[in-house]
């Protein structure tokens, strides 16, 4: 039986990936997490209830990747066939306040995991590094960044994720490790941290408060164009990528002889933040009150638009299973029925 080491398993995206693995494979899963601000064991408890007896295939190991994976932790993890590396610091405003924390979490943490894999897992079948669209920076209208386009980080968070990805590329090139890199756009879903945009909208609607929309206060122009994708679709994409052969299929627009495979995981709908807020308000059944705030006043490095091309994954045979509107309605209604996850 195969085993996946899933870092950040108690995080928002991680627990959706865990559920997908358990429901669609007979694999064992070792969940590596330090249980900080982003990690929550209640997510894992909920997933165990959803998957029933399949939860017997889950083992949780507590470890902070800022420290190396020493022999004791390595023994606790045991044999591993695949690594899904999702553990990361991911909150942009906190990265602006404390850049070094994100360098330690995302760059040093990734290097420690790569070193563990290099030294201890000679038969590793695949290492999948979970990345972000933000490392490409702002995307002008009409531009959808492809997998090998140039980085243009606009925050310490995105720069740290770019650094982590470059380490993965270097280990693939130097040590010939079977490493894949992904870039994913805005993710939403059940049990997401309510500091994220959709959770903030729901909380504001329920409290009768204004929703802050990034834009231009003087002109009223609304900022924030995003492609949204549900965490279950992201998890499905990662399983699709896991099942690809490491070699023997064409790489998208290779630059300079690049050999490390990269994949953009993209939702099917682009929508402005204001239009998204209206959609959520309609589902909740509350009037939307909002205020447009200049994005550069609230958060330096905020980008008007992020956009990735999903054509390569479509070419390989993957697309999101559900439409955005369906996913959004299901997620909002679930959250209204489980308001403990809003921290209200």
Protein backbone atom coordinates (compact mmCIF):
# COMPACT_ATOMS: atom_id res chain seq x y z
CA UNK A 1 0.00 0.00 0.00
CA UNK A 2 1.31 3.47 -0.93
CA UNK A 3 1.86 6.27 1.59
CA UNK A 4 1.56 10.03 1.08
CA UNK A 5 3.27 12.51 3.38
CA UNK A 6 0.93 15.51 3.46
CA UNK A 7 2.41 18.64 5.03
CA UNK A 8 -0.01 21.26 6.33
CA UNK A 9 -2.75 18.62 6.54
CA UNK A 10 -4.66 20.48 9.27
CA UNK A 11 -4.72 23.64 7.16
CA UNK A 12 -7.61 24.75 4.99
CA UNK A 13 -6.49 23.29 1.66
CA UNK A 14 -4.64 20.41 3.33
CA UNK A 15 -7.70 18.90 4.99
CA UNK A 16 -9.62 18.97 1.69
CA UNK A 17 -6.71 17.16 0.06
CA UNK A 18 -6.69 14.62 2.89
CA UNK A 19 -10.40 13.90 2.36
CA UNK A 20 -9.90 13.48 -1.39
CA UNK A 21 -7.01 11.05 -0.90
CA UNK A 22 -8.95 8.94 1.59
CA UNK A 23 -12.11 8.80 -0.52
CA UNK A 24 -10.39 8.03 -3.82
CA UNK A 25 -7.44 5.78 -2.94
CA UNK A 26 -6.45 3.07 -0.50
CA UNK A 27 -3.28 5.01 0.43
CA UNK A 28 -2.05 5.65 3.93
CA UNK A 29 -1.54 9.33 4.79
CA UNK A 30 0.98 10.79 7.22
CA UNK A 31 -0.18 14.28 8.18
CA UNK A 32 2.73 16.54 9.14
CA UNK A 33 1.64 19.76 10.84
CA UNK A 34 2.81 22.15 13.53
CA UNK A 35 -0.75 23.31 14.36
CA UNK A 36 -0.14 27.06 14.36
CA UNK A 37 -2.56 29.85 13.41
CA UNK A 38 -3.51 28.11 10.15
CA UNK A 39 -3.66 24.52 11.41
CA UNK A 40 -6.70 23.22 13.26
CA UNK A 41 -7.18 19.67 14.48
CA UNK A 42 -10.95 20.19 14.35
CA UNK A 43 -10.65 20.10 10.56
CA UNK A 44 -9.08 16.67 10.78
CA UNK A 45 -11.73 15.56 13.27
CA UNK A 46 -14.49 16.61 10.85
CA UNK A 47 -12.81 14.80 7.97
CA UNK A 48 -12.48 11.63 10.02
CA UNK A 49 -16.23 11.73 10.63
CA UNK A 50 -16.90 12.21 6.92
CA UNK A 51 -14.67 9.36 5.74
CA UNK A 52 -15.59 6.84 8.44
CA UNK A 53 -13.39 3.74 8.66
CA UNK A 54 -10.98 5.22 6.08
CA UNK A 55 -9.64 7.43 8.87
CA UNK A 56 -7.73 4.39 10.13
CA UNK A 57 -5.23 5.10 7.35
CA UNK A 58 -4.29 8.50 8.85
CA UNK A 59 -1.33 9.17 11.13
CA UNK A 60 -0.58 12.65 12.52
CA UNK A 61 3.00 13.73 13.23
CA UNK A 62 3.65 17.08 14.89
CA UNK A 63 6.62 18.98 13.50
CA UNK A 64 7.61 22.52 12.53
CA UNK A 65 9.50 22.48 9.23
CA UNK A 66 11.64 25.43 10.29
CA UNK A 67 13.61 22.67 12.01
CA UNK A 68 15.14 19.80 10.09
CA UNK A 69 13.36 16.46 10.03
CA UNK A 70 15.66 14.62 12.41
CA UNK A 71 15.98 10.82 12.66
CA UNK A 72 13.34 10.61 15.39
CA UNK A 73 10.72 12.46 13.30
CA UNK A 74 11.79 10.49 10.24
CA UNK A 75 11.11 7.23 12.08
CA UNK A 76 7.67 8.50 13.11
CA UNK A 77 6.86 9.33 9.49
CA UNK A 78 8.04 5.97 8.21
CA UNK A 79 8.15 4.91 4.57
CA UNK A 80 6.81 7.47 2.08
CA UNK A 81 6.03 7.10 -1.64
CA UNK A 82 4.71 10.61 -2.35
CA UNK A 83 5.05 14.03 -0.74
CA UNK A 84 2.37 16.72 -1.07
CA UNK A 85 3.95 19.89 0.34
CA UNK A 86 1.17 22.28 1.32
CA UNK A 87 2.53 23.64 4.60
CA UNK A 88 3.23 27.38 4.30
CA UNK A 89 2.73 30.78 5.80
CA UNK A 90 0.15 32.33 3.49
CA UNK A 91 -1.30 35.57 4.89
CA UNK A 92 -0.06 38.56 2.86
CA UNK A 93 -0.61 41.33 5.46
CA UNK A 94 1.28 39.34 8.09
CA UNK A 95 4.11 38.79 5.60
CA UNK A 96 4.37 42.55 5.16
CA UNK A 97 4.58 43.02 8.92
CA UNK A 98 7.06 40.19 9.44
CA UNK A 99 8.87 39.12 6.25
CA UNK A 100 11.45 36.94 7.99
CA UNK A 101 8.78 34.67 9.44
CA UNK A 102 7.68 33.84 5.90
CA UNK A 103 11.23 33.27 4.69
CA UNK A 104 11.68 30.78 7.54
CA UNK A 105 8.34 29.06 6.96
CA UNK A 106 8.32 28.92 3.19
CA UNK A 107 11.95 28.95 2.07
CA UNK A 108 13.76 27.28 4.98
CA UNK A 109 10.81 24.95 5.63
CA UNK A 110 10.74 23.79 2.03
CA UNK A 111 14.50 23.27 1.99
CA UNK A 112 14.31 21.14 5.14
CA UNK A 113 11.63 18.98 3.53
CA UNK A 114 13.60 18.63 0.31
CA UNK A 115 16.72 17.62 2.26
CA UNK A 116 14.72 15.01 4.17
CA UNK A 117 13.42 13.59 0.90
CA UNK A 118 16.85 13.67 -0.77
CA UNK A 119 18.62 11.89 2.08
CA UNK A 120 15.95 9.45 3.20
CA UNK A 121 13.66 8.65 0.26
CA UNK A 122 15.69 7.36 -2.70
CA UNK A 123 12.59 5.67 -4.17
CA UNK A 124 10.27 8.66 -3.80
CA UNK A 125 7.81 8.61 -6.69
CA UNK A 126 6.80 12.26 -6.65
CA UNK A 127 7.21 15.47 -4.65
CA UNK A 128 4.45 18.01 -5.39
CA UNK A 129 5.12 21.57 -4.23
CA UNK A 130 1.98 23.66 -3.76
CA UNK A 131 2.46 27.21 -5.08
CA UNK A 132 0.56 30.41 -5.76
CA UNK A 133 -0.44 32.71 -8.60
CA UNK A 134 0.84 35.67 -6.59
CA UNK A 135 4.48 35.02 -7.44
CA UNK A 136 3.72 36.26 -10.99
CA UNK A 137 2.38 39.57 -9.69
CA UNK A 138 -0.29 41.73 -11.26
CA UNK A 139 -1.78 40.45 -14.54
CA UNK A 140 -2.93 43.19 -16.94
CA UNK A 141 -6.30 42.64 -18.59
CA UNK A 142 -5.87 40.10 -21.38
CA UNK A 143 -2.78 38.49 -19.82
CA UNK A 144 -2.95 34.99 -18.35
CA UNK A 145 0.42 33.84 -17.05
CA UNK A 146 1.69 30.47 -18.20
CA UNK A 147 3.61 28.00 -16.09
CA UNK A 148 7.13 29.18 -16.93
CA UNK A 149 6.55 32.94 -17.10
CA UNK A 150 8.78 35.25 -15.09
CA UNK A 151 8.16 35.90 -11.38
CA UNK A 152 7.27 39.43 -10.27
CA UNK A 153 6.64 39.11 -6.54
CA UNK A 154 4.77 41.99 -4.92
CA UNK A 155 4.85 40.91 -1.28
CA UNK A 156 7.20 39.03 1.04
CA UNK A 157 4.70 36.16 0.98
CA UNK A 158 4.84 35.76 -2.80
CA UNK A 159 8.61 36.22 -2.81
CA UNK A 160 8.99 33.47 -0.22
CA UNK A 161 6.81 31.14 -2.31
CA UNK A 162 8.92 31.98 -5.37
CA UNK A 163 12.03 31.12 -3.35
CA UNK A 164 10.52 27.81 -2.28
CA UNK A 165 9.64 26.98 -5.88
CA UNK A 166 13.13 27.81 -7.11
CA UNK A 167 14.57 25.45 -4.51
CA UNK A 168 12.29 22.73 -5.87
CA UNK A 169 13.47 23.48 -9.41
CA UNK A 170 17.09 23.37 -8.23
CA UNK A 171 16.62 20.02 -6.49
CA UNK A 172 14.95 18.60 -9.60
CA UNK A 173 17.84 19.84 -11.74
CA UNK A 174 20.70 19.04 -9.36
CA UNK A 175 19.59 15.81 -7.72
CA UNK A 176 17.16 14.60 -10.42
CA UNK A 177 14.38 14.30 -7.86
CA UNK A 178 10.81 13.75 -9.16
CA UNK A 179 9.51 17.20 -8.27
CA UNK A 180 6.41 18.91 -9.65
CA UNK A 181 5.38 22.52 -8.93
CA UNK A 182 1.87 23.93 -9.01
CA UNK A 183 0.41 27.44 -9.08
CA UNK A 184 -3.11 27.90 -7.78
CA UNK A 185 -5.44 30.88 -7.85
CA UNK A 186 -7.84 32.07 -5.12
CA UNK A 187 -9.17 29.06 -3.23
CA UNK A 188 -12.37 28.88 -1.23
CA UNK A 189 -14.32 26.19 0.56
CA UNK A 190 -15.67 24.82 3.80
CA UNK A 191 -13.74 25.48 7.04
CA UNK A 192 -11.66 28.26 5.50
CA UNK A 193 -10.14 30.77 7.89
CA UNK A 194 -12.77 33.56 8.21
CA UNK A 195 -10.08 36.21 7.72
CA UNK A 196 -10.24 35.29 4.02
CA UNK A 197 -12.49 37.31 1.72
CA UNK A 198 -15.57 35.11 1.40
CA UNK A 199 -15.64 34.46 5.13
CA UNK A 200 -15.34 38.19 5.81
CA UNK A 201 -18.25 38.86 3.45
CA UNK A 202 -20.48 36.32 5.22
CA UNK A 203 -19.58 37.67 8.67
CA UNK A 204 -20.19 41.27 7.59
CA UNK A 205 -23.56 40.38 6.09
CA UNK A 206 -24.70 38.54 9.21
CA UNK A 207 -23.62 41.46 11.42
CA UNK A 208 -25.03 44.15 9.12
CA UNK A 209 -21.57 45.63 8.62
CA UNK A 210 -19.85 47.06 5.57
CA UNK A 211 -17.69 44.87 3.38
CA UNK A 212 -14.38 46.48 2.44
CA UNK A 213 -13.77 46.30 -1.32
CA UNK A 214 -10.32 47.18 -2.63
CA UNK A 215 -10.53 49.81 -5.35
CA UNK A 216 -10.06 53.49 -6.17
CA UNK A 217 -11.88 55.73 -3.68
CA UNK A 218 -11.77 58.78 -5.96
CA UNK A 219 -13.21 57.18 -9.10
CA UNK A 220 -15.19 54.38 -7.49
CA UNK A 221 -13.39 51.89 -9.72
CA UNK A 222 -13.48 48.46 -8.13
CA UNK A 223 -10.25 46.53 -7.88
CA UNK A 224 -9.81 42.84 -7.49
CA UNK A 225 -10.36 40.50 -10.42
CA UNK A 226 -9.79 36.88 -9.47
CA UNK A 227 -10.35 33.35 -10.73
CA UNK A 228 -11.82 31.40 -7.83
CA UNK A 229 -11.54 27.64 -7.38
CA UNK A 230 -12.96 25.35 -4.70
CA UNK A 231 -10.52 23.43 -2.51
CA UNK A 232 -12.07 20.12 -3.57
CA UNK A 233 -11.25 20.91 -7.20
CA UNK A 234 -7.71 21.80 -6.18
CA UNK A 235 -7.42 18.47 -4.38
CA UNK A 236 -8.75 16.68 -7.46
CA UNK A 237 -6.13 18.46 -9.60
CA UNK A 238 -3.33 17.38 -7.26
CA UNK A 239 -4.46 13.76 -7.53
CA UNK A 240 -4.52 14.11 -11.33
CA UNK A 241 -0.96 15.47 -11.27
CA UNK A 242 0.17 12.71 -8.91
CA UNK A 243 -0.93 10.14 -11.46
CA UNK A 244 0.99 11.70 -14.35
CA UNK A 245 4.29 10.07 -15.30
CA UNK A 246 7.25 12.13 -14.16
CA UNK A 247 8.79 12.00 -17.59
CA UNK A 248 7.45 11.27 -21.04
CA UNK A 249 4.83 13.99 -21.53
CA UNK A 250 5.29 17.46 -23.07
CA UNK A 251 6.08 20.37 -20.79
CA UNK A 252 4.31 23.67 -21.39
CA UNK A 253 6.40 26.38 -23.08
CA UNK A 254 9.73 25.34 -21.63
CA UNK A 255 12.13 28.23 -21.11
CA UNK A 256 15.88 27.71 -21.25
CA UNK A 257 15.64 23.94 -21.16
CA UNK A 258 13.56 23.86 -17.97
CA UNK A 259 12.83 20.29 -16.90
CA UNK A 260 10.90 20.69 -13.62
CA UNK A 261 7.22 20.17 -14.52
CA UNK A 262 4.91 23.03 -13.52
CA UNK A 263 1.12 23.20 -13.59
CA UNK A 264 -1.43 26.00 -13.23
CA UNK A 265 -4.59 24.97 -11.36
CA UNK A 266 -7.26 27.45 -12.44
CA UNK A 267 -10.95 27.98 -11.74
CA UNK A 268 -13.51 28.40 -14.52
CA UNK A 269 -14.79 31.89 -13.61
CA UNK A 270 -13.17 35.31 -13.32
CA UNK A 271 -15.11 37.74 -11.18
CA UNK A 272 -14.56 41.08 -9.45
CA UNK A 273 -14.55 41.23 -5.68
CA UNK A 274 -17.67 43.42 -5.69
CA UNK A 275 -19.61 41.05 -7.94
CA UNK A 276 -18.53 38.18 -5.71
CA UNK A 277 -19.81 40.05 -2.65
CA UNK A 278 -23.18 40.56 -4.37
CA UNK A 279 -23.39 36.83 -5.17
CA UNK A 280 -22.66 35.91 -1.55
CA UNK A 281 -25.23 38.46 -0.31
CA UNK A 282 -27.86 36.95 -2.56
CA UNK A 283 -27.19 33.47 -1.18
CA UNK A 284 -27.19 34.70 2.43
CA UNK A 285 -30.35 36.73 1.79
CA UNK A 286 -29.00 39.96 3.28
CA UNK A 287 -28.48 43.39 1.68
CA UNK A 288 -24.88 44.18 0.81
CA UNK A 289 -23.29 47.23 2.39
CA UNK A 290 -19.84 47.97 1.07
CA UNK A 291 -17.12 50.59 1.07
CA UNK A 292 -14.50 51.00 -1.62
CA UNK A 293 -11.06 51.55 -0.09
CA UNK A 294 -7.93 52.28 -2.10
CA UNK A 295 -6.02 49.02 -2.05
CA UNK A 296 -2.63 50.70 -1.63
CA UNK A 297 -3.85 52.36 1.58
CA UNK A 298 -4.96 49.12 3.18
CA UNK A 299 -2.29 46.77 1.85
CA UNK A 300 0.93 47.61 0.02
CA UNK A 301 1.62 45.28 -2.85
CA UNK A 302 -2.05 44.48 -3.44
CA UNK A 303 -2.57 43.61 -7.09
CA UNK A 304 -5.56 44.57 -9.21
CA UNK A 305 -5.72 41.23 -10.96
CA UNK A 306 -4.17 37.78 -10.76
CA UNK A 307 -4.64 35.45 -13.69
CA UNK A 308 -3.17 32.16 -14.81
CA UNK A 309 -3.68 30.20 -17.98
CA UNK A 310 -5.33 26.84 -17.35
CA UNK A 311 -4.87 25.66 -20.92
CA UNK A 312 -2.04 23.25 -20.18
CA UNK A 313 -4.03 21.31 -17.58
CA UNK A 314 -6.98 21.23 -19.98
CA UNK A 315 -4.65 19.87 -22.65
CA UNK A 316 -3.61 17.11 -20.27
CA UNK A 317 -7.25 16.31 -19.49
CA UNK A 318 -8.13 18.12 -16.25
CA UNK A 319 -10.76 20.80 -15.51
CA UNK A 320 -12.74 21.66 -12.35
CA UNK A 321 -15.55 19.19 -11.79
CA UNK A 322 -18.15 21.75 -10.67
CA UNK A 323 -19.08 25.23 -11.84
CA UNK A 324 -18.08 28.18 -9.68
CA UNK A 325 -21.66 29.28 -8.87
CA UNK A 326 -22.58 25.80 -7.67
CA UNK A 327 -19.47 25.51 -5.52
CA UNK A 328 -20.00 29.00 -4.06
CA UNK A 329 -23.62 28.40 -3.12
CA UNK A 330 -22.83 25.07 -1.49
CA UNK A 331 -19.93 26.57 0.46
CA UNK A 332 -21.91 29.60 1.70
CA UNK A 333 -24.91 27.48 2.76
CA UNK A 334 -22.62 25.03 4.54
CA UNK A 335 -20.97 27.92 6.39
CA UNK A 336 -24.33 29.36 7.44
CA UNK A 337 -25.16 25.96 8.95
CA UNK A 338 -21.76 25.70 10.65
CA UNK A 339 -21.17 29.20 11.98
CA UNK A 340 -18.59 28.09 14.53
CA UNK A 341 -16.16 28.23 11.62
CA UNK A 342 -16.84 31.98 11.30
CA UNK A 343 -15.47 32.60 14.83
CA UNK A 344 -18.50 34.72 15.67
